[in-house]
Amino acid sequence: MKAAEHRRILLVAHPRRQEAHDVAAGVADRLQAAGIEVAMAPDEAVAVDLASGHGVIETDPDRPADGCELVCVLGGDGTILRGAEMSRGTGVPLLGVNLGHVGFLAEAEREDIAATVDHIVNRRYTVEERMTLEVSAHVDGAPVYQSWALNEVTVEKANRERMLEVVAEIDGRPLTTWGCDGVVVATPTGSTAYAFSAGGPVVWPEVEAVLLVPISAHALFARPLVLGPSSHLALEVVPDTLGTGALWCDGRRAVDLPPGARIEVVRSDVPVRLARLSTSPFTDRLVAKFNLSVHGWRGQARLEGAARAVRERVTPA
């Protein structure tokens, strides 16, 4: 007799939102009723009040996704980025359920939770890979910080009253110096996040590229740039600048940057794997998330109607 398959889902929820706690309890109960183990990081299980009474397994806090087939995240983009930190490098895909505002990284909405659990139980999802960035910071040639980002790496001014002077370098050659509030280096996934707010272009997820977007730069040449995926990008804080800076990764991990600091950004070999529940194109997601007007569009129906009219005119009676 064949042994029952052991399945485990890592549940990640916003720790300070009651709605996330309630949804997490319901998702845990539904998955367990289907014979699937539900795991959470110990501190998070306590925060969302699922540490006891729901049969939730506490994982290794250092490697919470180990042994799981999926990471299910309940929250906004910030919570989903935290889930990406847990899943990246393990091969475990990430599925986000939006409990926030825009939720561009989410695959499902709050009202779709029952159908989402059904997809998980029946493994009705596909997986796509999203490129990430590797970043390192050096001061006087000595490494001081290393991390990664799914959305963006930003170098920002730390003092509100002073601009930050930054030299941009691409593939070992200087490009320009900006007196600015900061610079965003983004992936296509992050093109709809901070880079978008800074005036950068929206890049379709399947495009392999790196975006360079200055923030409020005082310069004639301050346009967003789209670089090749193999580009080696460096940003140097001008040594005699009066302002200090800070390096942020996905708006979650940060380190201070003194004048003279050098930040290098390249494409990472380790992607984040996202679970997809539908095959709808990115255009539909863009329209839905940004509530774009498509009034007046007749699209394929109009083309088919025109073709039918032509056929009627040329077809013999």
Protein backbone atom coordinates (compact mmCIF):
# COMPACT_ATOMS: atom_id res chain seq x y z
CA MET A 1 0.00 0.00 0.00
CA LYS A 2 1.40 3.37 -1.02
CA ALA A 3 2.20 5.70 1.88
CA ALA A 4 0.35 9.01 2.04
CA GLU A 5 2.28 11.90 0.53
CA HIS A 6 3.73 14.33 3.07
CA ARG A 7 2.99 17.91 2.13
CA ARG A 8 3.88 21.12 3.94
CA ILE A 9 3.08 24.78 3.21
CA LEU A 10 4.93 27.68 4.83
CA LEU A 11 2.45 30.38 5.85
CA VAL A 12 3.64 34.00 6.12
CA ALA A 13 1.27 36.72 7.36
CA HIS A 14 1.46 40.39 8.26
CA PRO A 15 2.21 40.29 12.01
CA ARG A 16 0.34 43.47 12.98
CA ARG A 17 -2.88 43.31 10.95
CA GLN A 18 -5.88 41.58 12.50
CA GLU A 19 -7.29 40.81 9.05
CA ALA A 20 -4.11 38.89 8.22
CA HIS A 21 -4.41 36.94 11.49
CA ASP A 22 -8.02 35.98 10.72
CA VAL A 23 -7.25 34.99 7.13
CA ALA A 24 -4.18 33.00 8.23
CA ALA A 25 -6.26 31.00 10.71
CA GLY A 26 -8.81 30.20 8.01
CA VAL A 27 -6.15 29.20 5.47
CA ALA A 28 -4.40 26.99 8.04
CA ASP A 29 -7.67 25.22 8.89
CA ARG A 30 -8.52 24.65 5.22
CA LEU A 31 -5.09 23.28 4.34
CA GLN A 32 -5.00 20.99 7.37
CA ALA A 33 -8.47 19.69 6.52
CA ALA A 34 -6.97 18.65 3.15
CA GLY A 35 -4.18 16.76 4.92
CA ILE A 36 -1.48 19.39 4.35
CA GLU A 37 0.88 20.44 7.13
CA VAL A 38 1.05 24.18 7.82
CA ALA A 39 4.33 25.66 9.07
CA MET A 40 5.29 29.11 10.31
CA ALA A 41 8.42 30.76 11.67
CA PRO A 42 8.20 30.60 15.51
CA ASP A 43 8.07 34.35 16.18
CA GLU A 44 5.50 34.84 13.43
CA ALA A 45 3.27 32.05 14.72
CA VAL A 46 3.17 33.85 18.06
CA ALA A 47 2.57 37.25 16.43
CA VAL A 48 -0.47 36.06 14.46
CA ASP A 49 -1.76 33.96 17.37
CA LEU A 50 -1.32 30.59 15.65
CA ALA A 51 1.38 29.20 17.96
CA SER A 52 -1.10 26.87 19.66
CA GLY A 53 -4.56 25.50 19.01
CA HIS A 54 -4.24 25.34 15.21
CA GLY A 55 -1.73 22.51 14.78
CA VAL A 56 0.79 24.81 13.10
CA ILE A 57 4.35 23.43 12.88
CA GLU A 58 7.15 25.78 13.96
CA THR A 59 10.05 25.82 11.49
CA ASP A 60 13.75 26.50 11.76
CA PRO A 61 13.83 30.34 11.92
CA ASP A 62 17.04 30.39 9.87
CA ARG A 63 15.65 28.23 7.03
CA PRO A 64 11.85 28.34 7.38
CA ALA A 65 11.08 27.17 3.82
CA ASP A 66 13.04 23.92 4.08
CA GLY A 67 10.81 20.91 3.44
CA CYS A 68 7.95 23.05 2.10
CA GLU A 69 6.42 22.85 -1.36
CA LEU A 70 5.11 26.43 -1.36
CA VAL A 71 5.36 29.68 0.60
CA CYS A 72 1.90 31.26 0.92
CA VAL A 73 2.05 34.94 1.90
CA LEU A 74 -0.91 36.90 3.26
CA GLY A 75 -0.39 40.67 3.18
CA GLY A 76 0.79 43.51 0.98
CA ASP A 77 3.94 43.84 -1.11
CA GLY A 78 6.08 44.38 2.01
CA THR A 79 4.98 41.07 3.50
CA ILE A 80 5.47 39.36 0.13
CA LEU A 81 9.02 40.72 -0.04
CA ARG A 82 9.61 39.21 3.42
CA GLY A 83 8.31 35.91 2.09
CA ALA A 84 10.75 36.22 -0.82
CA GLU A 85 13.59 36.48 1.71
CA MET A 86 12.46 33.14 3.14
CA SER A 87 12.01 31.33 -0.18
CA ARG A 88 14.88 32.63 -2.33
CA GLY A 89 17.60 30.07 -2.86
CA THR A 90 15.48 27.12 -1.70
CA GLY A 91 13.68 26.45 -5.00
CA VAL A 92 10.34 26.83 -3.18
CA PRO A 93 7.87 29.03 -5.10
CA LEU A 94 6.08 31.97 -3.51
CA LEU A 95 2.34 32.66 -3.74
CA GLY A 96 1.08 36.05 -2.55
CA VAL A 97 -2.48 36.87 -1.48
CA ASN A 98 -3.03 40.63 -1.40
CA LEU A 99 -4.35 42.09 1.84
CA GLY A 100 -2.77 45.49 1.19
CA HIS A 101 -3.42 48.24 -1.34
CA VAL A 102 -1.93 47.72 -4.82
CA GLY A 103 -0.24 44.38 -4.16
CA PHE A 104 1.59 44.15 -7.48
CA LEU A 105 3.52 41.07 -6.37
CA ALA A 106 0.37 39.25 -5.25
CA GLU A 107 -1.27 36.60 -7.39
CA ALA A 108 -4.67 36.58 -5.67
CA GLU A 109 -6.95 38.96 -3.77
CA ARG A 110 -8.63 38.64 -0.37
CA GLU A 111 -11.98 37.65 -1.86
CA ASP A 112 -10.33 34.79 -3.80
CA ILE A 113 -8.96 33.03 -0.72
CA ALA A 114 -11.16 29.91 -0.96
CA ALA A 115 -10.28 29.38 -4.62
CA THR A 116 -6.61 30.06 -3.85
CA VAL A 117 -6.51 27.33 -1.20
CA ASP A 118 -8.20 24.98 -3.67
CA HIS A 119 -5.45 25.72 -6.23
CA ILE A 120 -2.81 24.95 -3.59
CA VAL A 121 -4.47 21.71 -2.51
CA ASN A 122 -4.74 20.49 -6.10
CA ARG A 123 -1.38 21.96 -7.17
CA ARG A 124 -3.07 23.95 -9.91
CA TYR A 125 -0.42 26.59 -10.41
CA THR A 126 2.54 27.26 -12.61
CA VAL A 127 5.89 28.71 -11.56
CA GLU A 128 7.86 31.52 -13.17
CA GLU A 129 11.27 32.89 -12.26
CA ARG A 130 11.96 36.57 -11.58
CA MET A 131 15.46 37.97 -11.80
CA THR A 132 17.06 39.51 -8.72
CA LEU A 133 20.03 41.79 -8.08
CA GLU A 134 23.21 41.26 -6.07
CA VAL A 135 24.61 44.36 -4.37
CA SER A 136 27.81 45.05 -2.48
CA ALA A 137 29.16 48.20 -0.83
CA HIS A 138 32.80 49.10 -0.27
CA VAL A 139 34.51 51.90 1.62
CA ASP A 140 38.18 52.54 0.80
CA GLY A 141 38.22 49.20 -1.00
CA ALA A 142 37.03 47.24 2.04
CA PRO A 143 33.67 45.42 1.81
CA VAL A 144 31.11 46.73 4.31
CA TYR A 145 27.82 45.26 3.11
CA GLN A 146 26.41 42.61 0.78
CA SER A 147 22.79 41.76 0.01
CA TRP A 148 20.27 41.21 -2.77
CA ALA A 149 16.96 42.65 -4.02
CA LEU A 150 13.91 41.45 -5.91
CA ASN A 151 12.47 44.91 -6.63
CA GLU A 152 15.23 47.47 -6.32
CA VAL A 153 18.44 48.69 -4.79
CA THR A 154 18.38 52.37 -3.87
CA VAL A 155 21.09 54.81 -2.87
CA GLU A 156 19.39 57.71 -1.10
CA LYS A 157 20.40 60.85 0.73
CA ALA A 158 20.33 60.52 4.50
CA ASN A 159 20.06 64.25 5.21
CA ARG A 160 16.84 65.89 4.08
CA GLU A 161 18.47 69.32 3.73
CA ARG A 162 21.35 68.20 1.47
CA MET A 163 21.57 66.61 -1.95
CA LEU A 164 23.60 63.49 -2.54
CA GLU A 165 26.28 63.62 -5.25
CA VAL A 166 26.56 60.29 -7.02
CA VAL A 167 28.72 59.19 -9.96
CA ALA A 168 27.14 56.47 -12.12
CA GLU A 169 29.43 53.93 -13.77
CA ILE A 170 28.36 51.30 -16.33
CA ASP A 171 30.63 48.41 -17.33
CA GLY A 172 33.70 50.11 -15.89
CA ARG A 173 33.14 53.48 -17.61
CA PRO A 174 31.84 56.68 -15.96
CA LEU A 175 28.47 57.88 -17.23
CA THR A 176 27.56 61.05 -15.33
CA THR A 177 27.40 62.70 -11.92
CA TRP A 178 24.05 63.54 -10.39
CA GLY A 179 23.26 65.90 -7.56
CA CYS A 180 20.06 64.18 -6.50
CA ASP A 181 17.85 62.75 -3.79
CA GLY A 182 18.99 59.28 -4.78
CA VAL A 183 19.23 56.62 -7.49
CA VAL A 184 17.09 53.53 -8.02
CA VAL A 185 18.49 50.38 -9.61
CA ALA A 186 15.52 48.12 -10.36
CA THR A 187 14.56 44.80 -11.91
CA PRO A 188 11.61 44.47 -14.31
CA THR A 189 9.61 43.19 -11.31
CA GLY A 190 10.49 46.39 -9.46
CA SER A 191 9.67 48.64 -12.40
CA THR A 192 6.13 49.09 -11.04
CA ALA A 193 7.38 49.95 -7.53
CA TYR A 194 9.81 52.70 -6.42
CA ALA A 195 11.29 53.07 -9.92
CA PHE A 196 7.81 53.79 -11.30
CA SER A 197 7.24 56.49 -8.66
CA ALA A 198 10.58 58.04 -9.64
CA GLY A 199 9.51 58.29 -13.29
CA GLY A 200 10.96 55.06 -14.65
CA PRO A 201 9.34 52.93 -17.37
CA VAL A 202 7.16 49.89 -16.78
CA VAL A 203 9.04 46.82 -18.02
CA TRP A 204 7.27 43.53 -18.75
CA PRO A 205 8.43 40.76 -16.37
CA GLU A 206 9.76 38.50 -19.13
CA VAL A 207 12.17 41.22 -20.29
CA GLU A 208 15.67 40.75 -18.90
CA ALA A 209 17.00 44.19 -18.03
CA VAL A 210 18.29 46.45 -15.27
CA LEU A 211 16.77 49.90 -14.76
CA LEU A 212 18.72 52.96 -13.61
CA VAL A 213 16.47 55.81 -12.43
CA PRO A 214 17.78 59.00 -10.77
CA ILE A 215 15.50 60.61 -8.16
CA SER A 216 14.97 64.38 -8.44
CA ALA A 217 18.33 64.89 -10.14
CA HIS A 218 19.56 68.44 -10.79
CA ALA A 219 20.99 67.70 -14.24
CA LEU A 220 20.06 68.00 -17.90
CA PHE A 221 20.83 64.30 -18.42
CA ALA A 222 18.56 62.70 -15.85
CA ARG A 223 16.49 60.27 -17.89
CA PRO A 224 15.79 56.71 -16.78
CA LEU A 225 18.06 54.15 -18.46
CA VAL A 226 17.34 50.52 -19.38
CA LEU A 227 20.52 48.42 -19.31
CA GLY A 228 21.28 44.92 -20.49
CA PRO A 229 20.99 42.12 -17.92
CA SER A 230 24.75 41.48 -17.93
CA SER A 231 25.65 45.12 -17.25
CA HIS A 232 27.90 45.86 -14.29
CA LEU A 233 26.60 48.97 -12.55
CA ALA A 234 28.42 51.01 -9.92
CA LEU A 235 27.41 54.09 -7.96
CA GLU A 236 29.99 56.13 -6.07
CA VAL A 237 29.14 58.72 -3.44
CA VAL A 238 31.41 61.66 -4.32
CA PRO A 239 34.15 61.82 -1.64
CA ASP A 240 33.86 65.55 -0.94
CA THR A 241 30.05 65.63 -0.92
CA LEU A 242 28.45 67.31 2.12
CA GLY A 243 25.60 64.83 2.32
CA THR A 244 25.69 61.24 3.54
CA GLY A 245 23.72 58.40 2.05
CA ALA A 246 21.98 55.13 2.79
CA LEU A 247 21.76 51.93 0.77
CA TRP A 248 18.38 50.16 0.79
CA CYS A 249 17.43 46.75 -0.61
CA ASP A 250 13.71 46.37 -1.35
CA GLY A 251 13.04 49.07 1.25
CA ARG A 252 13.68 46.47 3.95
CA ARG A 253 17.43 46.14 4.54
CA ALA A 254 19.69 49.18 4.87
CA VAL A 255 23.21 50.35 5.63
CA ASP A 256 24.65 53.86 5.99
CA LEU A 257 26.98 55.14 3.26
CA PRO A 258 29.75 57.63 4.03
CA PRO A 259 31.23 59.92 1.34
CA GLY A 260 33.47 57.87 -0.95
CA ALA A 261 31.41 54.68 -0.65
CA ARG A 262 31.15 52.53 -3.78
CA ILE A 263 28.08 50.39 -4.50
CA GLU A 264 28.19 47.69 -7.16
CA VAL A 265 25.06 46.04 -8.57
CA VAL A 266 24.85 43.06 -10.93
CA ARG A 267 22.26 40.52 -11.92
CA SER A 268 22.07 37.65 -9.46
CA ASP A 269 22.28 33.98 -10.40
CA VAL A 270 19.58 33.20 -7.80
CA PRO A 271 16.05 34.14 -8.92
CA VAL A 272 12.84 34.30 -6.90
CA ARG A 273 10.24 31.75 -8.03
CA LEU A 274 6.64 33.00 -8.12
CA ALA A 275 3.58 30.76 -8.31
CA ARG A 276 0.96 31.83 -10.87
CA LEU A 277 -2.71 30.82 -10.69
CA SER A 278 -3.76 32.17 -14.07
CA THR A 279 -2.35 32.67 -17.54
CA SER A 280 -3.71 36.20 -17.94
CA PRO A 281 -1.18 38.56 -19.58
CA PHE A 282 0.75 41.25 -17.71
CA THR A 283 -1.35 43.90 -19.49
CA ASP A 284 -4.43 42.74 -17.58
CA ARG A 285 -2.56 42.94 -14.27
CA LEU A 286 -1.37 46.46 -15.10
CA VAL A 287 -4.92 47.60 -15.92
CA ALA A 288 -6.36 46.04 -12.76
CA LYS A 289 -3.69 47.18 -10.29
CA PHE A 290 -3.48 50.77 -11.58
CA ASN A 291 -7.20 50.97 -12.38
CA LEU A 292 -6.42 52.14 -15.91
CA SER A 293 -9.21 53.33 -18.16
CA VAL A 294 -9.78 51.19 -21.26
CA HIS A 295 -13.02 52.93 -22.19
CA GLY A 296 -13.71 52.79 -25.93
CA TRP A 297 -11.63 49.68 -26.60
CA ARG A 298 -13.27 47.24 -28.99
CA GLY A 299 -10.17 45.20 -29.74
CA GLN A 300 -10.50 41.74 -31.21
CA ALA A 301 -14.28 41.94 -31.45
CA ARG A 302 -13.95 44.98 -33.69
CA LEU A 303 -11.34 43.26 -35.88
CA GLU A 304 -13.49 40.15 -36.20
CA GLY A 305 -16.51 42.28 -37.14
CA ALA A 306 -14.54 44.11 -39.83
CA ALA A 307 -13.23 40.82 -41.24
CA ARG A 308 -16.76 39.40 -41.34
CA ALA A 309 -18.01 42.47 -43.23
CA VAL A 310 -15.22 42.05 -45.83
CA ARG A 311 -16.07 38.38 -46.28
CA GLU A 312 -19.74 39.23 -46.79
CA ARG A 313 -18.83 41.77 -49.48
CA VAL A 314 -16.57 39.43 -51.45
CA THR A 315 -18.47 36.17 -51.07
CA PRO A 316 -20.62 35.40 -54.19
CA ALA A 317 -24.36 35.10 -53.61
